[in-house]
PDB file of all heavy atoms in Angstrom:
ATOM      1  N   PRO A   1       4.082 -10.471  -1.488  1.00  0.00           N
ATOM      2  CA  PRO A   1       3.857  -9.064  -1.829  1.00  0.00           C
ATOM      3  C   PRO A   1       4.663  -8.153  -0.913  1.00  0.00           C
ATOM      4  O   PRO A   1       4.693  -8.340   0.303  1.00  0.00           O
ATOM      5  CB  PRO A   1       2.353  -8.884  -1.623  1.00  0.00           C
ATOM      6  CG  PRO A   1       1.960  -9.952  -0.667  1.00  0.00           C
ATOM      7  CD  PRO A   1       2.923 -11.083  -0.839  1.00  0.00           C
ATOM      8  N   MET A   2       5.321  -7.174  -1.501  1.00  0.00           N
ATOM      9  CA  MET A   2       6.157  -6.230  -0.770  1.00  0.00           C
ATOM     10  C   MET A   2       5.812  -4.802  -1.190  1.00  0.00           C
ATOM     11  O   MET A   2       5.116  -4.582  -2.181  1.00  0.00           O
ATOM     12  CB  MET A   2       7.639  -6.493  -1.054  1.00  0.00           C
ATOM     13  CG  MET A   2       8.112  -7.895  -0.748  1.00  0.00           C
ATOM     14  SD  MET A   2       8.369  -8.155   1.020  1.00  0.00           S
ATOM     15  CE  MET A   2       9.170  -9.775   0.973  1.00  0.00           C
ATOM     16  N   MET A   3       6.351  -3.847  -0.443  1.00  0.00           N
ATOM     17  CA  MET A   3       6.158  -2.447  -0.805  1.00  0.00           C
ATOM     18  C   MET A   3       7.329  -1.631  -0.294  1.00  0.00           C
ATOM     19  O   MET A   3       7.772  -1.812   0.844  1.00  0.00           O
ATOM     20  CB  MET A   3       4.844  -1.911  -0.229  1.00  0.00           C
ATOM     21  CG  MET A   3       4.542  -0.460  -0.580  1.00  0.00           C
ATOM     22  SD  MET A   3       2.867   0.001  -0.125  1.00  0.00           S
ATOM     23  CE  MET A   3       1.953  -0.871  -1.403  1.00  0.00           C
ATOM     24  N   TYR A   4       7.843  -0.751  -1.146  1.00  0.00           N
ATOM     25  CA  TYR A   4       8.904   0.150  -0.728  1.00  0.00           C
ATOM     26  C   TYR A   4       8.300   1.232   0.154  1.00  0.00           C
ATOM     27  O   TYR A   4       7.208   1.734  -0.103  1.00  0.00           O
ATOM     28  CB  TYR A   4       9.595   0.747  -1.946  1.00  0.00           C
ATOM     29  CG  TYR A   4      10.921   1.402  -1.646  1.00  0.00           C
ATOM     30  CD1 TYR A   4      11.759   0.919  -0.640  1.00  0.00           C
ATOM     31  CD2 TYR A   4      11.353   2.490  -2.380  1.00  0.00           C
ATOM     32  CE1 TYR A   4      12.982   1.513  -0.378  1.00  0.00           C
ATOM     33  CE2 TYR A   4      12.583   3.092  -2.129  1.00  0.00           C
ATOM     34  CZ  TYR A   4      13.384   2.601  -1.125  1.00  0.00           C
ATOM     35  OH  TYR A   4      14.597   3.192  -0.860  1.00  0.00           O
ATOM     36  N   MET A   5       9.015   1.605   1.208  1.00  0.00           N
ATOM     37  CA  MET A   5       8.452   2.477   2.225  1.00  0.00           C
ATOM     38  C   MET A   5       7.903   3.804   1.696  1.00  0.00           C
ATOM     39  O   MET A   5       6.853   4.262   2.166  1.00  0.00           O
ATOM     40  CB  MET A   5       9.477   2.725   3.329  1.00  0.00           C
ATOM     41  CG  MET A   5       8.918   3.456   4.522  1.00  0.00           C
ATOM     42  SD  MET A   5       7.606   2.534   5.390  1.00  0.00           S
ATOM     43  CE  MET A   5       8.586   1.351   6.306  1.00  0.00           C
ATOM     44  N   PRO A   6       8.563   4.461   0.745  1.00  0.00           N
ATOM     45  CA  PRO A   6       7.951   5.703   0.236  1.00  0.00           C
ATOM     46  C   PRO A   6       6.541   5.505  -0.297  1.00  0.00           C
ATOM     47  O   PRO A   6       5.674   6.371  -0.114  1.00  0.00           O
ATOM     48  CB  PRO A   6       8.921   6.141  -0.869  1.00  0.00           C
ATOM     49  CG  PRO A   6      10.237   5.581  -0.447  1.00  0.00           C
ATOM     50  CD  PRO A   6       9.918   4.254   0.180  1.00  0.00           C
ATOM     51  N   ASP A   7       6.291   4.369  -0.953  1.00  0.00           N
ATOM     52  CA  ASP A   7       4.931   4.075  -1.411  1.00  0.00           C
ATOM     53  C   ASP A   7       4.000   3.830  -0.231  1.00  0.00           C
ATOM     54  O   ASP A   7       2.842   4.273  -0.231  1.00  0.00           O
ATOM     55  CB  ASP A   7       4.932   2.848  -2.324  1.00  0.00           C
ATOM     56  CG  ASP A   7       5.130   3.194  -3.793  1.00  0.00           C
ATOM     57  OD1 ASP A   7       4.992   4.385  -4.154  1.00  0.00           O
ATOM     58  OD2 ASP A   7       5.427   2.287  -4.583  1.00  0.00           O
ATOM     59  N   ALA A   8       4.479   3.122   0.790  1.00  0.00           N
ATOM     60  CA  ALA A   8       3.643   2.833   1.961  1.00  0.00           C
ATOM     61  C   ALA A   8       3.256   4.116   2.691  1.00  0.00           C
ATOM     62  O   ALA A   8       2.102   4.289   3.117  1.00  0.00           O
ATOM     63  CB  ALA A   8       4.375   1.883   2.908  1.00  0.00           C
ATOM     64  N   VAL A   9       4.213   5.026   2.851  1.00  0.00           N
ATOM     65  CA  VAL A   9       3.928   6.296   3.517  1.00  0.00           C
ATOM     66  C   VAL A   9       2.943   7.123   2.696  1.00  0.00           C
ATOM     67  O   VAL A   9       1.983   7.697   3.227  1.00  0.00           O
ATOM     68  CB  VAL A   9       5.234   7.078   3.757  1.00  0.00           C
ATOM     69  CG1 VAL A   9       4.943   8.506   4.220  1.00  0.00           C
ATOM     70  CG2 VAL A   9       6.089   6.356   4.797  1.00  0.00           C
ATOM     71  N   ARG A  10       3.180   7.175   1.394  1.00  0.00           N
ATOM     72  CA  ARG A  10       2.280   7.940   0.531  1.00  0.00           C
ATOM     73  C   ARG A  10       0.865   7.361   0.569  1.00  0.00           C
ATOM     74  O   ARG A  10      -0.121   8.105   0.631  1.00  0.00           O
ATOM     75  CB  ARG A  10       2.827   7.932  -0.902  1.00  0.00           C
ATOM     76  CG  ARG A  10       2.079   8.817  -1.873  1.00  0.00           C
ATOM     77  CD  ARG A  10       2.836   8.926  -3.197  1.00  0.00           C
ATOM     78  NE  ARG A  10       3.157   7.613  -3.724  1.00  0.00           N
ATOM     79  CZ  ARG A  10       2.291   6.889  -4.447  1.00  0.00           C
ATOM     80  NH1 ARG A  10       1.096   7.356  -4.708  1.00  0.00           N
ATOM     81  NH2 ARG A  10       2.651   5.708  -4.902  1.00  0.00           N
ATOM     82  N   ALA A  11       0.752   6.039   0.566  1.00  0.00           N
ATOM     83  CA  ALA A  11      -0.561   5.405   0.656  1.00  0.00           C
ATOM     84  C   ALA A  11      -1.266   5.782   1.946  1.00  0.00           C
ATOM     85  O   ALA A  11      -2.465   6.098   1.962  1.00  0.00           O
ATOM     86  CB  ALA A  11      -0.416   3.884   0.555  1.00  0.00           C
ATOM     87  N   THR A  12      -0.509   5.764   3.043  1.00  0.00           N
ATOM     88  CA  THR A  12      -1.092   6.074   4.350  1.00  0.00           C
ATOM     89  C   THR A  12      -1.614   7.508   4.398  1.00  0.00           C
ATOM     90  O   THR A  12      -2.750   7.761   4.829  1.00  0.00           O
ATOM     91  CB  THR A  12      -0.042   5.857   5.455  1.00  0.00           C
ATOM     92  OG1 THR A  12       0.476   4.531   5.358  1.00  0.00           O
ATOM     93  CG2 THR A  12      -0.651   6.065   6.830  1.00  0.00           C
ATOM     94  N   LEU A  13      -0.808   8.444   3.946  1.00  0.00           N
ATOM     95  CA  LEU A  13      -1.231   9.846   3.966  1.00  0.00           C
ATOM     96  C   LEU A  13      -2.392  10.086   3.006  1.00  0.00           C
ATOM     97  O   LEU A  13      -3.326  10.829   3.324  1.00  0.00           O
ATOM     98  CB  LEU A  13      -0.051  10.753   3.623  1.00  0.00           C
ATOM     99  CG  LEU A  13       1.107  10.743   4.617  1.00  0.00           C
ATOM    100  CD1 LEU A  13       2.173  11.766   4.208  1.00  0.00           C
ATOM    101  CD2 LEU A  13       0.643  11.016   6.042  1.00  0.00           C
ATOM    102  N   ASN A  14      -2.346   9.457   1.836  1.00  0.00           N
ATOM    103  CA  ASN A  14      -3.451   9.612   0.892  1.00  0.00           C
ATOM    104  C   ASN A  14      -4.756   9.091   1.473  1.00  0.00           C
ATOM    105  O   ASN A  14      -5.820   9.710   1.309  1.00  0.00           O
ATOM    106  CB  ASN A  14      -3.139   8.878  -0.418  1.00  0.00           C
ATOM    107  CG  ASN A  14      -2.089   9.576  -1.253  1.00  0.00           C
ATOM    108  OD1 ASN A  14      -1.663  10.686  -0.933  1.00  0.00           O
ATOM    109  ND2 ASN A  14      -1.650   8.934  -2.315  1.00  0.00           N
ATOM    110  N   LEU A  15      -4.671   7.942   2.153  1.00  0.00           N
ATOM    111  CA  LEU A  15      -5.869   7.387   2.786  1.00  0.00           C
ATOM    112  C   LEU A  15      -6.406   8.329   3.858  1.00  0.00           C
ATOM    113  O   LEU A  15      -7.607   8.600   3.919  1.00  0.00           O
ATOM    114  CB  LEU A  15      -5.550   6.026   3.408  1.00  0.00           C
ATOM    115  CG  LEU A  15      -6.660   5.392   4.252  1.00  0.00           C
ATOM    116  CD1 LEU A  15      -7.884   5.092   3.403  1.00  0.00           C
ATOM    117  CD2 LEU A  15      -6.161   4.133   4.944  1.00  0.00           C
ATOM    118  N   MET A  16      -5.523   8.841   4.701  1.00  0.00           N
ATOM    119  CA  MET A  16      -5.961   9.707   5.797  1.00  0.00           C
ATOM    120  C   MET A  16      -6.477  11.058   5.300  1.00  0.00           C
ATOM    121  O   MET A  16      -7.299  11.699   5.959  1.00  0.00           O
ATOM    122  CB  MET A  16      -4.821   9.902   6.784  1.00  0.00           C
ATOM    123  CG  MET A  16      -4.487   8.654   7.587  1.00  0.00           C
ATOM    124  SD  MET A  16      -5.834   8.119   8.670  1.00  0.00           S
ATOM    125  CE  MET A  16      -5.578   9.213  10.080  1.00  0.00           C
ATOM    126  N   GLU A  17      -6.016  11.497   4.139  1.00  0.00           N
ATOM    127  CA  GLU A  17      -6.459  12.781   3.600  1.00  0.00           C
ATOM    128  C   GLU A  17      -7.707  12.664   2.735  1.00  0.00           C
ATOM    129  O   GLU A  17      -8.337  13.676   2.411  1.00  0.00           O
ATOM    130  CB  GLU A  17      -5.327  13.392   2.766  1.00  0.00           C
ATOM    131  CG  GLU A  17      -4.131  13.825   3.598  1.00  0.00           C
ATOM    132  CD  GLU A  17      -2.895  14.079   2.749  1.00  0.00           C
ATOM    133  OE1 GLU A  17      -3.000  13.998   1.498  1.00  0.00           O
ATOM    134  OE2 GLU A  17      -1.836  14.352   3.334  1.00  0.00           O
ATOM    135  N   ALA A  18      -8.081  11.433   2.371  1.00  0.00           N
ATOM    136  CA  ALA A  18      -9.263  11.247   1.525  1.00  0.00           C
ATOM    137  C   ALA A  18     -10.524  11.679   2.274  1.00  0.00           C
ATOM    138  O   ALA A  18     -10.617  11.524   3.495  1.00  0.00           O
ATOM    139  CB  ALA A  18      -9.383   9.785   1.111  1.00  0.00           C
ATOM    140  N   PRO A  19     -11.502  12.243   1.566  1.00  0.00           N
ATOM    141  CA  PRO A  19     -12.753  12.622   2.234  1.00  0.00           C
ATOM    142  C   PRO A  19     -13.454  11.411   2.819  1.00  0.00           C
ATOM    143  O   PRO A  19     -13.402  10.315   2.241  1.00  0.00           O
ATOM    144  CB  PRO A  19     -13.573  13.262   1.112  1.00  0.00           C
ATOM    145  CG  PRO A  19     -12.973  12.753  -0.163  1.00  0.00           C
ATOM    146  CD  PRO A  19     -11.522  12.540   0.121  1.00  0.00           C
ATOM    147  N   GLY A  20     -14.087  11.607   3.967  1.00  0.00           N
ATOM    148  CA  GLY A  20     -14.748  10.500   4.648  1.00  0.00           C
ATOM    149  C   GLY A  20     -15.773   9.794   3.784  1.00  0.00           C
ATOM    150  O   GLY A  20     -15.975   8.581   3.912  1.00  0.00           O
ATOM    151  N   THR A  21     -16.397  10.536   2.879  1.00  0.00           N
ATOM    152  CA  THR A  21     -17.418   9.939   2.020  1.00  0.00           C
ATOM    153  C   THR A  21     -16.822   8.920   1.050  1.00  0.00           C
ATOM    154  O   THR A  21     -17.543   8.057   0.540  1.00  0.00           O
ATOM    155  CB  THR A  21     -18.126  11.032   1.220  1.00  0.00           C
ATOM    156  OG1 THR A  21     -17.145  11.838   0.542  1.00  0.00           O
ATOM    157  CG2 THR A  21     -18.963  11.923   2.136  1.00  0.00           C
ATOM    158  N   ALA A  22     -15.506   9.020   0.801  1.00  0.00           N
ATOM    159  CA  ALA A  22     -14.855   8.083  -0.119  1.00  0.00           C
ATOM    160  C   ALA A  22     -14.490   6.767   0.543  1.00  0.00           C
ATOM    161  O   ALA A  22     -14.270   5.757  -0.138  1.00  0.00           O
ATOM    162  CB  ALA A  22     -13.595   8.719  -0.715  1.00  0.00           C
ATOM    163  N   ILE A  23     -14.410   6.778   1.873  1.00  0.00           N
ATOM    164  CA  ILE A  23     -13.933   5.593   2.602  1.00  0.00           C
ATOM    165  C   ILE A  23     -15.115   4.679   2.910  1.00  0.00           C
ATOM    166  O   ILE A  23     -15.843   4.880   3.875  1.00  0.00           O
ATOM    167  CB  ILE A  23     -13.205   6.005   3.896  1.00  0.00           C
ATOM    168  CG1 ILE A  23     -12.111   7.029   3.594  1.00  0.00           C
ATOM    169  CG2 ILE A  23     -12.615   4.771   4.573  1.00  0.00           C
ATOM    170  CD1 ILE A  23     -11.071   6.565   2.607  1.00  0.00           C
ATOM    171  N   LYS A  24     -15.289   3.679   2.065  1.00  0.00           N
ATOM    172  CA  LYS A  24     -16.401   2.731   2.229  1.00  0.00           C
ATOM    173  C   LYS A  24     -15.977   1.491   3.015  1.00  0.00           C
ATOM    174  O   LYS A  24     -16.836   0.768   3.534  1.00  0.00           O
ATOM    175  CB  LYS A  24     -16.917   2.279   0.860  1.00  0.00           C
ATOM    176  CG  LYS A  24     -17.184   3.400  -0.123  1.00  0.00           C
ATOM    177  CD  LYS A  24     -18.323   4.298   0.315  1.00  0.00           C
ATOM    178  CE  LYS A  24     -18.642   5.315  -0.783  1.00  0.00           C
ATOM    179  NZ  LYS A  24     -19.671   6.288  -0.332  1.00  0.00           N
ATOM    180  N   THR A  25     -14.679   1.243   3.091  1.00  0.00           N
ATOM    181  CA  THR A  25     -14.152   0.034   3.736  1.00  0.00           C
ATOM    182  C   THR A  25     -13.576   0.412   5.092  1.00  0.00           C
ATOM    183  O   THR A  25     -12.618   1.176   5.169  1.00  0.00           O
ATOM    184  CB  THR A  25     -13.054  -0.610   2.868  1.00  0.00           C
ATOM    185  OG1 THR A  25     -13.617  -0.941   1.598  1.00  0.00           O
ATOM    186  CG2 THR A  25     -12.487  -1.848   3.531  1.00  0.00           C
ATOM    187  N   ARG A  26     -14.160  -0.108   6.148  1.00  0.00           N
ATOM    188  CA  ARG A  26     -13.711   0.247   7.500  1.00  0.00           C
ATOM    189  C   ARG A  26     -13.090  -0.929   8.239  1.00  0.00           C
ATOM    190  O   ARG A  26     -12.844  -0.849   9.437  1.00  0.00           O
ATOM    191  CB  ARG A  26     -14.890   0.813   8.305  1.00  0.00           C
ATOM    192  CG  ARG A  26     -15.424   2.125   7.756  1.00  0.00           C
ATOM    193  CD  ARG A  26     -14.443   3.257   7.944  1.00  0.00           C
ATOM    194  NE  ARG A  26     -14.962   4.535   7.441  1.00  0.00           N
ATOM    195  CZ  ARG A  26     -14.409   5.719   7.676  1.00  0.00           C
ATOM    196  NH1 ARG A  26     -13.304   5.792   8.392  1.00  0.00           N
ATOM    197  NH2 ARG A  26     -14.939   6.820   7.175  1.00  0.00           N
ATOM    198  N   THR A  27     -12.854  -2.034   7.527  1.00  0.00           N
ATOM    199  CA  THR A  27     -12.006  -3.090   8.083  1.00  0.00           C
ATOM    200  C   THR A  27     -10.562  -2.697   7.772  1.00  0.00           C
ATOM    201  O   THR A  27      -9.892  -2.080   8.591  1.00  0.00           O
ATOM    202  CB  THR A  27     -12.366  -4.461   7.485  1.00  0.00           C
ATOM    203  OG1 THR A  27     -12.445  -4.358   6.057  1.00  0.00           O
ATOM    204  CG2 THR A  27     -13.666  -4.981   8.047  1.00  0.00           C
ATOM    205  N   SER A  28     -10.102  -2.997   6.551  1.00  0.00           N
ATOM    206  CA  SER A  28      -8.772  -2.582   6.128  1.00  0.00           C
ATOM    207  C   SER A  28      -8.658  -2.775   4.630  1.00  0.00           C
ATOM    208  O   SER A  28      -9.249  -3.702   4.074  1.00  0.00           O
ATOM    209  CB  SER A  28      -7.697  -3.388   6.861  1.00  0.00           C
ATOM    210  OG  SER A  28      -6.411  -2.836   6.657  1.00  0.00           O
ATOM    211  N   TYR A  29      -7.904  -1.909   3.978  1.00  0.00           N
ATOM    212  CA  TYR A  29      -7.764  -1.955   2.524  1.00  0.00           C
ATOM    213  C   TYR A  29      -6.579  -2.812   2.088  1.00  0.00           C
ATOM    214  O   TYR A  29      -5.470  -2.647   2.593  1.00  0.00           O
ATOM    215  CB  TYR A  29      -7.536  -0.556   1.957  1.00  0.00           C
ATOM    216  CG  TYR A  29      -8.762   0.311   1.880  1.00  0.00           C
ATOM    217  CD1 TYR A  29      -9.024   1.263   2.865  1.00  0.00           C
ATOM    218  CD2 TYR A  29      -9.660   0.206   0.815  1.00  0.00           C
ATOM    219  CE1 TYR A  29     -10.142   2.082   2.785  1.00  0.00           C
ATOM    220  CE2 TYR A  29     -10.774   1.017   0.731  1.00  0.00           C
ATOM    221  CZ  TYR A  29     -11.018   1.958   1.719  1.00  0.00           C
ATOM    222  OH  TYR A  29     -12.121   2.775   1.643  1.00  0.00           O
ATOM    223  N   ASN A  30      -6.809  -3.684   1.107  1.00  0.00           N
ATOM    224  CA  ASN A  30      -5.708  -4.265   0.353  1.00  0.00           C
ATOM    225  C   ASN A  30      -4.981  -3.162  -0.407  1.00  0.00           C
ATOM    226  O   ASN A  30      -5.636  -2.318  -1.038  1.00  0.00           O
ATOM    227  CB  ASN A  30      -6.229  -5.259  -0.692  1.00  0.00           C
ATOM    228  CG  ASN A  30      -6.519  -6.629  -0.133  1.00  0.00           C
ATOM    229  OD1 ASN A  30      -6.437  -6.861   1.063  1.00  0.00           O
ATOM    230  ND2 ASN A  30      -6.885  -7.552  -1.016  1.00  0.00           N
ATOM    231  N   ILE A  31      -3.651  -3.146  -0.367  1.00  0.00           N
ATOM    232  CA  ILE A  31      -2.886  -2.341  -1.315  1.00  0.00           C
ATOM    233  C   ILE A  31      -1.732  -3.185  -1.853  1.00  0.00           C
ATOM    234  O   ILE A  31      -1.191  -4.037  -1.154  1.00  0.00           O
ATOM    235  CB  ILE A  31      -2.351  -1.020  -0.722  1.00  0.00           C
ATOM    236  CG1 ILE A  31      -1.404  -1.249   0.448  1.00  0.00           C
ATOM    237  CG2 ILE A  31      -3.480  -0.087  -0.344  1.00  0.00           C
ATOM    238  CD1 ILE A  31      -0.671   0.012   0.885  1.00  0.00           C
ATOM    239  N   SER A  32      -1.388  -2.948  -3.105  1.00  0.00           N
ATOM    240  CA  SER A  32      -0.363  -3.736  -3.774  1.00  0.00           C
ATOM    241  C   SER A  32       0.822  -2.862  -4.130  1.00  0.00           C
ATOM    242  O   SER A  32       0.671  -1.683  -4.439  1.00  0.00           O
ATOM    243  CB  SER A  32      -0.940  -4.365  -5.040  1.00  0.00           C
ATOM    244  OG  SER A  32       0.032  -5.162  -5.682  1.00  0.00           O
ATOM    245  N   GLY A  33       2.024  -3.452  -4.074  1.00  0.00           N
ATOM    246  CA  GLY A  33       3.234  -2.759  -4.467  1.00  0.00           C
ATOM    247  C   GLY A  33       4.013  -3.598  -5.459  1.00  0.00           C
ATOM    248  O   GLY A  33       3.758  -3.565  -6.661  1.00  0.00           O
ATOM    249  N   ILE A  34       4.967  -4.399  -4.949  1.00  0.00           N
ATOM    250  CA  ILE A  34       5.811  -5.258  -5.780  1.00  0.00           C
ATOM    251  C   ILE A  34       5.742  -6.679  -5.212  1.00  0.00           C
ATOM    252  O   ILE A  34       5.884  -6.861  -4.009  1.00  0.00           O
ATOM    253  CB  ILE A  34       7.287  -4.817  -5.722  1.00  0.00           C
ATOM    254  CG1 ILE A  34       7.425  -3.297  -5.739  1.00  0.00           C
ATOM    255  CG2 ILE A  34       8.092  -5.437  -6.843  1.00  0.00           C
ATOM    256  CD1 ILE A  34       8.786  -2.800  -5.278  1.00  0.00           C
ATOM    257  N   SER A  35       5.542  -7.666  -6.071  1.00  0.00           N
ATOM    258  CA  SER A  35       5.638  -9.067  -5.633  1.00  0.00           C
ATOM    259  C   SER A  35       6.887  -9.685  -6.252  1.00  0.00           C
ATOM    260  O   SER A  35       7.103  -9.581  -7.460  1.00  0.00           O
ATOM    261  CB  SER A  35       4.401  -9.859  -6.059  1.00  0.00           C
ATOM    262  OG  SER A  35       3.266  -9.466  -5.319  1.00  0.00           O
ATOM    263  N   PHE A  36       7.729 -10.310  -5.403  1.00  0.00           N
ATOM    264  CA  PHE A  36       8.952 -10.932  -5.912  1.00  0.00           C
ATOM    265  C   PHE A  36       9.384 -12.059  -4.989  1.00  0.00           C
ATOM    266  O   PHE A  36       8.877 -12.208  -3.876  1.00  0.00           O
ATOM    267  CB  PHE A  36      10.084  -9.903  -6.068  1.00  0.00           C
ATOM    268  CG  PHE A  36      10.407  -9.122  -4.815  1.00  0.00           C
ATOM    269  CD1 PHE A  36      11.208  -9.674  -3.825  1.00  0.00           C
ATOM    270  CD2 PHE A  36       9.923  -7.836  -4.645  1.00  0.00           C
ATOM    271  CE1 PHE A  36      11.513  -8.962  -2.675  1.00  0.00           C
ATOM    272  CE2 PHE A  36      10.223  -7.110  -3.499  1.00  0.00           C
ATOM    273  CZ  PHE A  36      11.023  -7.671  -2.513  1.00  0.00           C
ATOM    274  N   THR A  37      10.344 -12.857  -5.461  1.00  0.00           N
ATOM    275  CA  THR A  37      10.926 -13.951  -4.687  1.00  0.00           C
ATOM    276  C   THR A  37      12.317 -13.553  -4.208  1.00  0.00           C
ATOM    277  O   THR A  37      12.925 -12.614  -4.751  1.00  0.00           O
ATOM    278  CB  THR A  37      11.051 -15.219  -5.549  1.00  0.00           C
ATOM    279  OG1 THR A  37      12.034 -14.976  -6.580  1.00  0.00           O
ATOM    280  CG2 THR A  37       9.722 -15.592  -6.191  1.00  0.00           C
ATOM    281  N   PRO A  38      12.881 -14.251  -3.220  1.00  0.00           N
ATOM    282  CA  PRO A  38      14.262 -13.983  -2.832  1.00  0.00           C
ATOM    283  C   PRO A  38      15.240 -14.095  -3.999  1.00  0.00           C
ATOM    284  O   PRO A  38      16.178 -13.313  -4.109  1.00  0.00           O
ATOM    285  CB  PRO A  38      14.539 -15.037  -1.757  1.00  0.00           C
ATOM    286  CG  PRO A  38      13.205 -15.300  -1.147  1.00  0.00           C
ATOM    287  CD  PRO A  38      12.237 -15.211  -2.292  1.00  0.00           C
ATOM    288  N   ARG A  39      15.007 -15.064  -4.873  1.00  0.00           N
ATOM    289  CA  ARG A  39      15.897 -15.206  -6.026  1.00  0.00           C
ATOM    290  C   ARG A  39      15.826 -13.986  -6.943  1.00  0.00           C
ATOM    291  O   ARG A  39      16.859 -13.467  -7.398  1.00  0.00           O
ATOM    292  CB  ARG A  39      15.541 -16.477  -6.809  1.00  0.00           C
ATOM    293  CG  ARG A  39      16.402 -16.688  -8.053  1.00  0.00           C
ATOM    294  CD  ARG A  39      16.049 -17.992  -8.751  1.00  0.00           C
ATOM    295  NE  ARG A  39      14.630 -18.098  -9.020  1.00  0.00           N
ATOM    296  CZ  ARG A  39      14.006 -17.496 -10.047  1.00  0.00           C
ATOM    297  NH1 ARG A  39      14.694 -16.740 -10.885  1.00  0.00           N
ATOM    298  NH2 ARG A  39      12.718 -17.656 -10.225  1.00  0.00           N
ATOM    299  N   GLU A  40      14.615 -13.504  -7.192  1.00  0.00           N
ATOM    300  CA  GLU A  40      14.468 -12.330  -8.059  1.00  0.00           C
ATOM    301  C   GLU A  40      15.088 -11.084  -7.423  1.00  0.00           C
ATOM    302  O   GLU A  40      15.710 -10.272  -8.119  1.00  0.00           O
ATOM    303  CB  GLU A  40      12.979 -12.088  -8.352  1.00  0.00           C
ATOM    304  CG  GLU A  40      12.382 -13.134  -9.277  1.00  0.00           C
ATOM    305  CD  GLU A  40      10.868 -13.069  -9.357  1.00  0.00           C
ATOM    306  OE1 GLU A  40      10.243 -12.411  -8.492  1.00  0.00           O
ATOM    307  OE2 GLU A  40      10.312 -13.694 -10.275  1.00  0.00           O
ATOM    308  N   LEU A  41      14.947 -10.950  -6.103  1.00  0.00           N
ATOM    309  CA  LEU A  41      15.567  -9.819  -5.423  1.00  0.00           C
ATOM    310  C   LEU A  41      17.087  -9.919  -5.487  1.00  0.00           C
ATOM    311  O   LEU A  41      17.783  -8.922  -5.711  1.00  0.00           O
ATOM    312  CB  LEU A  41      15.098  -9.756  -3.968  1.00  0.00           C
ATOM    313  CG  LEU A  41      15.693  -8.634  -3.118  1.00  0.00           C
ATOM    314  CD1 LEU A  41      15.467  -7.265  -3.751  1.00  0.00           C
ATOM    315  CD2 LEU A  41      15.101  -8.667  -1.703  1.00  0.00           C
ATOM    316  N   SER A  42      17.608 -11.128  -5.312  1.00  0.00           N
ATOM    317  CA  SER A  42      19.065 -11.293  -5.369  1.00  0.00           C
ATOM    318  C   SER A  42      19.600 -10.961  -6.754  1.00  0.00           C
ATOM    319  O   SER A  42      20.689 -10.381  -6.893  1.00  0.00           O
ATOM    320  CB  SER A  42      19.466 -12.718  -4.965  1.00  0.00           C
ATOM    321  OG  SER A  42      19.085 -13.657  -5.951  1.00  0.00           O
ATOM    322  N   GLU A  43      18.851 -11.315  -7.799  1.00  0.00           N
ATOM    323  CA  GLU A  43      19.276 -10.976  -9.159  1.00  0.00           C
ATOM    324  C   GLU A  43      19.281  -9.470  -9.376  1.00  0.00           C
ATOM    325  O   GLU A  43      20.164  -8.926 -10.052  1.00  0.00           O
ATOM    326  CB  GLU A  43      18.355 -11.662 -10.179  1.00  0.00           C
ATOM    327  CG  GLU A  43      18.501 -13.171 -10.239  1.00  0.00           C
ATOM    328  CD  GLU A  43      19.905 -13.617 -10.614  1.00  0.00           C
ATOM    329  OE1 GLU A  43      20.520 -12.969 -11.488  1.00  0.00           O
ATOM    330  OE2 GLU A  43      20.403 -14.601 -10.017  1.00  0.00           O
TER     331      GLU A  43
END
């Protein structure tokens, strides 16, 4: 699993700006972006 940095930055700011009442997970959140292989990236 990978993520392009603009998505990672946006996720971080969105998380930090969310109201505290929305944040139920205080370990760490899974987030998904793009999953690919080296071969697929090379193509």
